[in-house]
C-alpha atoms as a PDB file:
ATOM      1  CA  MET A   1       1.352 -10.051   0.658  1.00  0.00           C
ATOM      2  CA  ARG A   2       0.471 -11.030  -2.984  1.00  0.00           C
ATOM      3  CA  ASP A   3       3.552 -10.943  -5.331  1.00  0.00           C
ATOM      4  CA  ASP A   4       1.421  -9.536  -8.320  1.00  0.00           C
ATOM      5  CA  TYR A   5       0.722  -6.415  -5.979  1.00  0.00           C
ATOM      6  CA  ILE A   6       4.209  -5.942  -5.057  1.00  0.00           C
ATOM      7  CA  LYS A   7       5.255  -5.936  -8.704  1.00  0.00           C
ATOM      8  CA  GLU A   8       2.575  -3.312  -9.585  1.00  0.00           C
ATOM      9  CA  ALA A   9       3.238  -1.188  -6.413  1.00  0.00           C
ATOM     10  CA  LEU A  10       6.974  -1.176  -7.299  1.00  0.00           C
ATOM     11  CA  LYS A  11       5.952   0.604 -10.704  1.00  0.00           C
ATOM     12  CA  THR A  12       4.709   3.495  -8.708  1.00  0.00           C
ATOM     13  CA  ILE A  13       7.181   3.467  -5.991  1.00  0.00           C
ATOM     14  CA  PRO A  14      10.427   2.082  -7.482  1.00  0.00           C
ATOM     15  CA  ASP A  15      12.539   2.075  -4.410  1.00  0.00           C
ATOM     16  CA  PRO A  16      11.768  -1.206  -2.339  1.00  0.00           C
ATOM     17  CA  ASN A  17      12.787   0.297   1.029  1.00  0.00           C
ATOM     18  CA  LEU A  18      10.504   3.257   0.651  1.00  0.00           C
ATOM     19  CA  LEU A  19       7.488   0.823  -0.810  1.00  0.00           C
ATOM     20  CA  ILE A  20       8.149  -1.098   2.587  1.00  0.00           C
ATOM     21  CA  ASN A  21       7.958   2.129   4.731  1.00  0.00           C
ATOM     22  CA  VAL A  22       4.894   3.391   2.992  1.00  0.00           C
ATOM     23  CA  VAL A  23       2.892   0.112   3.183  1.00  0.00           C
ATOM     24  CA  SER A  24       3.927  -0.296   6.819  1.00  0.00           C
ATOM     25  CA  ARG A  25       2.873   3.119   7.793  1.00  0.00           C
ATOM     26  CA  ARG A  26      -0.498   2.444   6.030  1.00  0.00           C
ATOM     27  CA  VAL A  27      -0.953  -1.011   7.552  1.00  0.00           C
ATOM     28  CA  LYS A  28      -0.714   0.697  11.098  1.00  0.00           C
ATOM     29  CA  GLN A  29      -3.255   3.073  10.099  1.00  0.00           C
ATOM     30  CA  LEU A  30      -5.675   0.404   8.875  1.00  0.00           C
ATOM     31  CA  LYS A  31      -5.074  -1.619  11.937  1.00  0.00           C
ATOM     32  CA  ARG A  32      -6.129   1.298  14.251  1.00  0.00           C
ATOM     33  CA  GLY A  33      -9.379   1.694  12.473  1.00  0.00           C
ATOM     34  CA  ASN A  34      -8.754   3.699   9.344  1.00  0.00           C
ATOM     35  CA  ARG A  35     -11.066   2.772   6.497  1.00  0.00           C
ATOM     36  CA  PRO A  36      -9.635   1.450   3.308  1.00  0.00           C
ATOM     37  CA  LEU A  37      -9.487   3.691   0.419  1.00  0.00           C
ATOM     38  CA  VAL A  38     -10.129   0.790  -2.024  1.00  0.00           C
ATOM     39  CA  GLU A  39     -12.950  -1.470  -2.106  1.00  0.00           C
ATOM     40  CA  SER A  40     -12.428  -5.429  -2.703  1.00  0.00           C
ATOM     41  CA  LEU A  41     -14.868  -8.224  -3.321  1.00  0.00           C
ATOM     42  CA  GLU A  42     -12.254 -10.679  -1.833  1.00  0.00           C
ATOM     43  CA  LYS A  43     -10.855 -10.614   1.705  1.00  0.00           C
ATOM     44  CA  LEU A  44      -7.592  -8.926   1.624  1.00  0.00           C
ATOM     45  CA  SER A  45      -4.964  -8.611   4.381  1.00  0.00           C
ATOM     46  CA  SER A  46      -3.933  -5.103   5.451  1.00  0.00           C
ATOM     47  CA  GLU A  47      -0.769  -5.266   3.717  1.00  0.00           C
ATOM     48  CA  ASP A  48      -2.525  -6.103   0.278  1.00  0.00           C
ATOM     49  CA  ILE A  49      -4.843  -3.286   0.836  1.00  0.00           C
ATOM     50  CA  ALA A  50      -2.110  -0.916   1.322  1.00  0.00           C
ATOM     51  CA  LEU A  51      -0.482  -2.222  -1.864  1.00  0.00           C
ATOM     52  CA  ARG A  52      -3.785  -1.771  -3.931  1.00  0.00           C
ATOM     53  CA  GLU A  53      -4.117   1.687  -2.413  1.00  0.00           C
ATOM     54  CA  ILE A  54      -0.609   2.425  -3.826  1.00  0.00           C
ATOM     55  CA  ILE A  55      -1.351   0.807  -7.188  1.00  0.00           C
ATOM     56  CA  GLU A  56      -4.426   2.783  -7.599  1.00  0.00           C
ATOM     57  CA  GLY A  57      -2.824   6.058  -6.639  1.00  0.00           C
ATOM     58  CA  LYS A  58      -4.874   6.603  -3.517  1.00  0.00           C
ATOM     59  CA  ILE A  59      -1.825   7.105  -1.385  1.00  0.00           C
ATOM     60  CA  SER A  60       0.760   9.907  -2.106  1.00  0.00           C
ATOM     61  CA  PHE A  61       4.129  10.312  -0.302  1.00  0.00           C
ATOM     62  CA  GLU A  62       7.005  12.442  -0.376  1.00  0.00           C
ATOM     63  CA  THR A  63      10.655  12.148   0.091  1.00  0.00           C
ATOM     64  CA  ALA A  64      12.993  14.680   2.012  1.00  0.00           C
ATOM     65  CA  GLU A  65      15.770  15.560  -0.492  1.00  0.00           C
END
């Protein structure tokens, strides 16, 4: 995973544990064949695609409180 994407994604999801959970769930979806919600000119890993989706606000999440 790219460090710059992680730092940007932490601005959206400040809890690192929650960020890891959101990214891992999305990576599983992408590997099962779901289409990426962002386009990129470069070849990105599934993890980087998930981070870009979080950074661009394409993925939402809820916490049970």
